[in-house]
Protein backbone atom coordinates (compact mmCIF):
# COMPACT_ATOMS: atom_id res chain seq x y z
CA MET A 1 0.00 0.00 0.00
CA ARG A 2 1.22 3.47 -0.87
CA ILE A 3 0.21 6.56 1.15
CA PHE A 4 1.15 10.09 0.18
CA ILE A 5 1.35 12.74 2.95
CA SER A 6 1.56 16.46 2.17
CA THR A 7 2.59 19.09 4.71
CA GLY A 8 4.94 22.03 5.17
CA GLU A 9 6.95 24.09 7.67
CA VAL A 10 8.68 22.89 10.84
CA SER A 11 5.48 22.17 12.76
CA GLY A 12 3.97 20.17 9.90
CA ASP A 13 7.14 18.10 9.68
CA LEU A 14 6.85 17.31 13.40
CA GLN A 15 3.17 16.33 13.19
CA GLY A 16 3.85 14.38 10.01
CA ALA A 17 6.68 12.43 11.63
CA LEU A 18 4.45 11.39 14.53
CA LEU A 19 1.80 10.22 12.06
CA VAL A 20 4.31 8.33 9.88
CA LYS A 21 5.51 6.38 12.91
CA ALA A 22 1.94 5.55 13.97
CA LEU A 23 1.00 4.42 10.44
CA ARG A 24 4.08 2.21 10.19
CA ASP A 25 3.37 0.68 13.61
CA ARG A 26 -0.26 -0.03 12.61
CA ALA A 27 0.84 -1.51 9.29
CA LYS A 28 3.38 -3.76 11.00
CA GLN A 29 0.73 -5.06 13.40
CA SER A 30 -1.55 -5.82 10.42
CA GLY A 31 1.17 -7.43 8.33
CA LEU A 32 0.74 -4.70 5.73
CA ASN A 33 3.56 -3.70 3.40
CA LEU A 34 3.31 0.10 3.60
CA GLU A 35 5.18 2.71 1.58
CA ILE A 36 4.87 6.35 2.66
CA LEU A 37 5.78 9.17 0.29
CA ALA A 38 5.74 12.74 1.50
CA LEU A 39 6.21 16.43 1.15
CA GLY A 40 7.75 17.27 4.51
CA GLY A 41 11.08 17.52 6.26
CA LYS A 42 13.91 15.65 7.95
CA ARG A 43 11.78 14.41 10.84
CA MET A 44 9.36 12.68 8.48
CA ALA A 45 12.27 11.15 6.58
CA ALA A 46 13.78 9.90 9.84
CA ALA A 47 10.41 8.36 10.77
CA GLY A 48 10.41 6.32 7.56
CA ALA A 49 8.84 8.46 4.82
CA THR A 50 10.41 8.88 1.39
CA LEU A 51 10.55 12.61 0.69
CA LEU A 52 9.44 13.88 -2.70
CA GLY A 53 10.34 17.40 -1.60
CA ASP A 54 11.50 19.26 1.53
CA THR A 55 8.91 21.85 2.60
CA SER A 56 10.10 22.43 6.18
CA ALA A 57 11.60 25.83 5.34
CA ILE A 58 8.88 26.93 2.90
CA GLY A 59 6.24 28.87 4.77
CA SER A 60 5.21 32.26 6.04
CA ILE A 61 2.42 34.28 7.58
CA GLY A 62 1.47 37.49 5.80
CA ILE A 63 0.79 38.88 2.35
CA PHE A 64 4.18 40.12 1.21
CA GLU A 65 6.07 37.69 3.46
CA SER A 66 4.77 34.75 1.39
CA LEU A 67 5.86 36.08 -2.01
CA PRO A 68 9.42 34.60 -1.95
CA TYR A 69 7.94 31.13 -1.49
CA VAL A 70 5.28 31.18 -4.21
CA LEU A 71 7.57 30.09 -7.06
CA PRO A 72 9.44 27.36 -5.10
CA THR A 73 6.11 26.00 -3.87
CA LEU A 74 4.62 25.91 -7.37
CA GLN A 75 7.72 24.25 -8.82
CA MET A 76 7.72 21.59 -6.10
CA GLN A 77 3.99 20.97 -6.61
CA ARG A 78 4.46 20.49 -10.35
CA ARG A 79 7.11 17.84 -9.71
CA VAL A 80 4.93 16.07 -7.15
CA LYS A 81 1.84 16.13 -9.36
CA ARG A 82 3.81 14.55 -12.21
CA TYR A 83 5.06 11.87 -9.84
CA LEU A 84 1.57 11.16 -8.48
CA ARG A 85 0.14 10.98 -12.00
CA GLN A 86 2.64 8.25 -12.86
CA ASN A 87 2.59 6.58 -9.42
CA PRO A 88 -0.90 7.04 -7.96
CA PRO A 89 -1.10 6.36 -4.21
CA ASP A 90 -3.84 4.37 -2.50
CA LEU A 91 -4.60 7.24 -0.13
CA VAL A 92 -3.64 10.91 0.38
CA VAL A 93 -3.24 12.64 3.75
CA MET A 94 -2.98 16.43 3.96
CA ILE A 95 -1.65 18.10 7.12
CA ASP A 96 -2.36 21.83 7.69
CA TYR A 97 -0.56 23.91 4.96
CA LEU A 98 -3.77 25.33 3.48
CA ALA A 99 -3.07 26.80 0.02
CA PRO A 100 -0.56 24.17 -1.21
CA ASN A 101 -2.71 21.33 0.10
CA LEU A 102 -5.81 22.65 -1.61
CA GLY A 103 -3.82 22.51 -4.85
CA ILE A 104 -2.65 18.95 -4.19
CA GLY A 105 -6.10 17.79 -3.07
CA SER A 106 -7.83 19.32 -6.09
CA TYR A 107 -5.36 17.65 -8.45
CA VAL A 108 -5.87 14.22 -6.86
CA LYS A 109 -9.67 14.50 -6.89
CA ARG A 110 -9.68 15.63 -10.51
CA HIS A 111 -7.44 12.86 -11.83
CA PHE A 112 -8.07 10.09 -9.29
CA PRO A 113 -11.55 10.60 -7.78
CA GLN A 114 -11.48 7.08 -6.36
CA ILE A 115 -8.49 7.82 -4.08
CA PRO A 116 -9.57 8.69 -0.50
CA VAL A 117 -8.31 12.05 0.78
CA VAL A 118 -7.93 12.74 4.50
CA TYR A 119 -7.30 16.13 6.08
CA TYR A 120 -5.48 15.79 9.41
CA ILE A 121 -4.99 19.01 11.37
CA ALA A 122 -7.30 20.99 9.12
CA PRO A 123 -6.90 24.67 8.25
CA GLN A 124 -7.98 26.87 11.15
CA GLU A 125 -10.89 28.45 9.32
CA TRP A 126 -12.83 28.57 12.56
CA VAL A 127 -10.18 30.99 13.84
CA TRP A 128 -9.02 32.92 10.79
CA SER A 129 -12.42 33.34 9.08
CA LEU A 130 -10.80 33.40 5.65
CA GLY A 131 -14.09 32.90 3.83
CA ALA A 132 -16.73 30.29 3.07
CA ASN A 133 -15.20 29.36 -0.29
CA LYS A 134 -12.06 27.88 1.25
CA THR A 135 -14.09 25.98 3.85
CA LYS A 136 -16.33 24.54 1.10
CA ARG A 137 -13.29 23.51 -0.91
CA VAL A 138 -11.82 21.66 2.06
CA VAL A 139 -15.10 19.86 2.76
CA GLU A 140 -15.62 18.95 -0.90
CA LEU A 141 -12.10 17.57 -1.27
CA VAL A 142 -11.92 15.31 1.77
CA ASP A 143 -13.45 11.93 2.53
CA ARG A 144 -12.54 12.21 6.20
CA LEU A 145 -11.40 15.10 8.38
CA LEU A 146 -9.47 14.32 11.56
CA ALA A 147 -9.79 17.22 14.00
CA ILE A 148 -7.34 17.97 16.79
CA PHE A 149 -9.43 20.64 18.57
CA PRO A 150 -13.07 20.26 19.69
CA GLU A 151 -13.98 23.64 18.14
CA GLU A 152 -12.39 22.56 14.88
CA ALA A 153 -14.54 19.40 14.83
CA CYS A 154 -17.74 21.35 15.50
CA TYR A 155 -16.94 23.93 12.82
CA TYR A 156 -16.34 21.44 10.02
CA GLU A 157 -19.26 19.21 11.05
CA LYS A 158 -21.58 22.18 10.56
CA TRP A 159 -20.24 22.47 7.01
CA GLY A 160 -21.06 18.82 6.31
CA ALA A 161 -17.65 17.16 6.61
CA ASP A 162 -17.21 13.61 7.88
CA VAL A 163 -15.28 14.55 11.03
CA THR A 164 -13.60 12.51 13.75
CA TRP A 165 -12.04 14.28 16.72
CA VAL A 166 -8.86 12.37 17.58
CA GLY A 167 -7.19 14.81 19.98
CA HIS A 168 -3.90 16.66 19.65
CA PRO A 169 -0.81 14.62 18.65
CA LEU A 170 1.48 16.54 21.00
CA VAL A 171 -0.25 14.75 23.87
CA ASP A 172 1.56 11.62 22.69
CA ARG A 173 4.87 13.38 22.17
CA MET A 174 4.94 14.72 25.72
CA GLN A 175 4.63 11.26 27.27
CA SER A 176 8.37 10.60 26.89
CA THR A 177 9.60 13.99 28.15
CA PRO A 178 11.73 13.96 31.36
CA SER A 179 10.66 15.70 34.54
CA ARG A 180 12.02 19.14 35.44
CA SER A 181 14.58 17.69 37.87
CA GLN A 182 15.70 15.02 35.39
CA ALA A 183 16.00 17.59 32.60
CA ARG A 184 18.03 19.98 34.73
CA GLU A 185 20.36 17.22 35.85
CA ALA A 186 20.89 16.14 32.22
CA LEU A 187 21.69 19.70 31.14
CA GLY A 188 23.74 20.64 34.20
CA ILE A 189 21.33 23.37 35.35
CA ALA A 190 21.27 23.94 39.12
CA PRO A 191 17.85 23.50 40.80
CA ASP A 192 17.68 27.19 41.82
CA GLN A 193 19.06 28.61 38.54
CA VAL A 194 16.65 30.82 36.56
CA ALA A 195 16.56 29.45 33.01
CA ILE A 196 14.58 30.96 30.13
CA ALA A 197 14.06 29.54 26.63
CA LEU A 198 14.10 31.92 23.67
CA LEU A 199 12.14 30.66 20.65
CA PRO A 200 12.31 33.33 17.96
CA ALA A 201 11.87 31.61 14.60
CA SER A 202 10.74 28.64 12.56
CA ARG A 203 10.09 30.81 9.47
CA HIS A 204 12.52 33.13 7.66
CA GLN A 205 10.35 36.22 8.24
CA GLU A 206 10.47 35.62 12.00
CA VAL A 207 14.24 36.07 12.03
CA LYS A 208 13.63 39.62 10.79
CA TYR A 209 10.53 40.62 12.74
CA LEU A 210 10.68 38.60 15.98
CA LEU A 211 14.29 37.74 16.78
CA PRO A 212 15.38 41.36 17.52
CA VAL A 213 12.40 41.96 19.82
CA ILE A 214 12.91 38.71 21.74
CA PHE A 215 16.67 39.15 22.10
CA GLU A 216 16.40 42.79 23.18
CA ALA A 217 13.85 41.74 25.81
CA ALA A 218 16.29 39.03 26.93
CA ARG A 219 19.06 41.63 27.23
CA ARG A 220 16.83 43.74 29.49
CA ILE A 221 15.88 40.73 31.60
CA GLN A 222 19.55 39.84 31.97
CA ALA A 223 20.25 43.38 33.19
CA GLN A 224 17.69 42.88 35.97
CA LEU A 225 18.52 39.23 36.67
CA PRO A 226 22.31 39.02 36.18
CA HIS A 227 22.49 35.27 36.87
CA VAL A 228 19.79 34.24 34.40
CA GLU A 229 20.67 31.67 31.72
CA PHE A 230 19.08 31.63 28.27
CA TRP A 231 18.64 28.54 26.11
CA VAL A 232 17.92 28.90 22.39
CA PRO A 233 16.67 25.76 20.58
CA LEU A 234 17.43 25.98 16.86
CA SER A 235 14.41 25.03 14.71
CA LEU A 236 16.33 24.92 11.41
CA GLU A 237 20.07 24.82 10.72
CA ALA A 238 19.63 27.74 8.30
CA TYR A 239 19.05 30.06 11.26
CA ARG A 240 22.24 29.16 13.13
CA ARG A 241 24.32 32.10 11.90
CA PRO A 242 21.78 34.89 12.56
CA VAL A 243 21.00 33.44 15.99
CA GLU A 244 24.67 33.14 16.94
CA GLN A 245 25.29 36.70 15.75
CA ALA A 246 22.31 37.96 17.76
CA ILE A 247 23.55 36.24 20.92
CA GLN A 248 26.85 38.14 20.54
CA THR A 249 25.25 41.44 19.52
CA TYR A 250 22.91 41.51 22.51
CA GLY A 251 25.53 40.17 24.90
CA LEU A 252 23.43 37.28 26.14
CA ARG A 253 24.58 34.47 28.36
CA ALA A 254 22.91 31.90 26.12
CA THR A 255 23.33 28.30 24.97
CA LEU A 256 22.32 27.36 21.44
CA VAL A 257 20.93 23.82 21.21
CA THR A 258 19.99 21.55 18.30
CA GLU A 259 19.37 18.31 20.21
CA GLN A 260 17.48 17.35 23.37
CA VAL A 261 15.01 20.16 22.68
CA GLN A 262 12.25 18.54 24.73
CA THR A 263 14.71 18.17 27.61
CA VAL A 264 15.55 21.88 27.35
CA PHE A 265 11.85 22.81 27.40
CA ALA A 266 11.22 20.65 30.47
CA ALA A 267 14.07 22.33 32.38
CA MET A 268 12.92 25.93 31.87
CA ASP A 269 11.31 28.40 34.27
CA LEU A 270 9.88 30.44 31.40
CA ALA A 271 9.81 30.70 27.61
CA ILE A 272 9.60 33.73 25.33
CA ALA A 273 8.24 32.32 22.12
CA LYS A 274 6.82 33.09 18.72
CA SER A 275 3.25 31.95 18.18
CA GLY A 276 3.02 28.40 16.90
CA THR A 277 2.86 24.72 17.76
CA VAL A 278 5.72 25.19 20.21
CA ASN A 279 3.34 27.11 22.52
CA LEU A 280 1.31 23.94 23.03
CA GLU A 281 4.44 21.87 23.66
CA LEU A 282 5.44 24.30 26.41
CA ALA A 283 1.93 24.32 27.89
CA LEU A 284 1.86 20.53 28.08
CA LEU A 285 5.15 20.69 30.00
CA ASP A 286 3.80 23.33 32.42
CA ILE A 287 6.27 25.98 31.27
CA PRO A 288 4.93 29.56 31.63
CA GLN A 289 5.36 31.55 28.42
CA VAL A 290 5.07 34.91 26.74
CA VAL A 291 3.80 34.62 23.15
CA LEU A 292 4.41 37.28 20.50
CA TYR A 293 4.07 37.73 16.77
CA ARG A 294 4.77 40.40 14.18
CA VAL A 295 4.49 40.72 10.41
CA SER A 296 5.63 43.59 8.19
CA PRO A 297 3.97 46.95 8.95
CA LEU A 298 2.44 47.03 5.45
CA THR A 299 0.93 43.57 5.80
CA ALA A 300 -0.46 44.52 9.20
CA TRP A 301 -1.98 47.74 7.85
CA ILE A 302 -3.66 45.97 4.92
CA ALA A 303 -4.98 43.20 7.18
CA GLN A 304 -6.44 45.66 9.69
CA ASN A 305 -7.71 48.43 7.43
CA ILE A 306 -8.63 46.75 4.15
CA LEU A 307 -9.26 43.09 4.96
CA LYS A 308 -10.71 43.93 8.40
CA PHE A 309 -8.85 40.91 9.71
CA LYS A 310 -9.56 40.02 13.33
CA ILE A 311 -8.91 36.90 15.36
CA PRO A 312 -9.91 36.08 18.94
CA PHE A 313 -6.55 34.42 19.68
CA MET A 314 -3.47 33.29 17.80
CA SER A 315 -1.55 30.81 19.97
CA PRO A 316 -2.73 27.18 20.21
CA PRO A 317 -3.13 27.11 24.05
CA ASN A 318 -5.63 29.95 23.84
CA LEU A 319 -7.42 28.40 20.85
CA VAL A 320 -8.08 25.15 22.69
CA GLU A 321 -10.45 26.75 25.19
CA MET A 322 -10.92 30.11 23.47
CA GLN A 323 -9.61 31.69 26.66
CA PRO A 324 -6.55 33.94 27.33
CA ILE A 325 -4.40 31.27 28.98
CA VAL A 326 -1.09 32.69 27.77
CA PRO A 327 -0.39 36.40 27.13
CA GLU A 328 -0.29 37.28 23.43
CA LEU A 329 1.64 40.36 22.31
CA LEU A 330 0.83 40.92 18.66
CA GLN A 331 2.22 43.43 16.18
CA ASP A 332 2.50 46.90 17.81
CA ASP A 333 2.11 45.35 21.28
CA ALA A 334 5.12 43.10 20.68
CA THR A 335 7.79 45.46 21.97
CA PRO A 336 10.89 44.68 24.07
CA GLU A 337 9.36 46.68 26.92
CA SER A 338 6.09 44.73 26.97
CA VAL A 339 7.82 41.37 26.55
CA THR A 340 10.22 42.15 29.40
CA HIS A 341 7.44 43.32 31.73
CA THR A 342 5.25 40.27 31.00
CA ALA A 343 8.14 37.83 31.33
CA LEU A 344 9.30 39.17 34.70
CA LYS A 345 5.72 39.03 35.95
CA LEU A 346 5.44 35.35 35.00
CA LEU A 347 8.54 34.56 37.04
CA GLN A 348 6.56 35.55 40.14
CA PRO A 349 4.79 32.71 42.03
CA GLU A 350 1.23 34.06 41.78
CA ALA A 351 1.20 34.59 38.01
CA ARG A 352 3.02 31.31 37.44
CA GLN A 353 0.52 29.30 39.50
CA GLN A 354 -2.43 30.88 37.68
CA MET A 355 -1.02 29.89 34.31
CA LEU A 356 -0.30 26.34 35.48
CA ALA A 357 -3.89 26.04 36.71
CA ASP A 358 -5.17 27.22 33.32
CA TYR A 359 -2.90 24.70 31.59
CA GLN A 360 -4.56 21.91 33.60
CA LYS A 361 -8.02 22.93 32.32
CA MET A 362 -6.72 23.16 28.78
CA ARG A 363 -5.36 19.59 28.83
CA GLN A 364 -8.83 18.13 29.22
CA ALA A 365 -9.77 19.35 25.74
CA LEU A 366 -6.72 17.79 24.04
CA GLY A 367 -7.77 14.16 24.33
CA GLU A 368 -6.17 11.14 25.93
CA PRO A 369 -2.81 9.65 24.89
CA GLY A 370 -2.96 7.47 21.80
CA VAL A 371 -3.89 10.34 19.46
CA CYS A 372 -1.54 9.34 16.65
CA ASP A 373 -2.62 5.71 16.83
CA ARG A 374 -6.28 6.78 16.61
CA ALA A 375 -5.47 8.95 13.60
CA ALA A 376 -3.60 6.10 11.92
CA HIS A 377 -6.54 3.76 12.55
CA GLU A 378 -8.99 6.21 10.99
CA ILE A 379 -6.74 6.70 7.95
CA LEU A 380 -6.08 3.03 7.28
CA SER A 381 -9.76 2.14 7.80
CA LEU A 382 -10.53 3.94 4.53
CA VAL A 383 -8.45 1.53 2.49
CA LEU A 384 -8.45 -1.73 4.45
């Protein structure tokens, strides 16, 4: 059996890798000879998928920010469509990555209407409100939609999709993470040492718009807490040089890490992070966090004044319950001053305990462990 999985960016590669492993485990139990082809990244390849293209570094949020990636995305899609035309899979799984996946899904349905299409981690239309046309296209293209949020399931059910809520895959990923004391021992961090993770970028645009804000805030925190240690997990090797230069420029006492990232997260007192999947990873590990996001001023102006773009929340922990669990500092509010003030506040016991209590409530809406296995079962049930 041949399954094709399409996703993009660092977070999609992570979710895809978890799914690839679950599918392979299910196939092995069933005695099924399974081949998985994919658009994804190194994690999916390591999990056992054969990559038809690397999309982990292709992605952006914003109007003008996405322009550099239009041509590479189209070229990669052309190659993949030619391959699929000559080597049709038995099933297609799309993960997030809205516009490219709509193109892939439409192509498959047009040329191979008999091939089942599954959307796993569907576009967040229920948050972004990007228009009924895109929602209709998603529903028309898919035979099954596997939702990770309860609100997501309700939204797509109302539009007529065949929806199964499986829970969030990061619930599974967190099961193997060490405790705080174990993580600190492994990293050589003293029990009473204040340690803060800086998570500035998984997209190229974030190096430009978020890294300077986060590192300037870190410099100010270091001035007030001279013994603080910063840890900077590297999402992509391409960002090593700008991150290393920023550490020197801002004079930070910081450690750059590429391995044991989950161990680093578990050892932290606080994280200052861009908005994204990483926010949910931190929440599941009970790490207080400040979330921020910025796009170019022109994109922000067009979104606010012409498109009338509004969202209730941006970060996944807040989207789960539609409640302000973590502070979000967006666009003009994402300044070094506001990040510093919010971060120092979260290092205080009262604010920290409130966030941890909110995390506990949030967990109940993410499902029980076994999410990836449930997703794999639903996917394979369409072809077995």
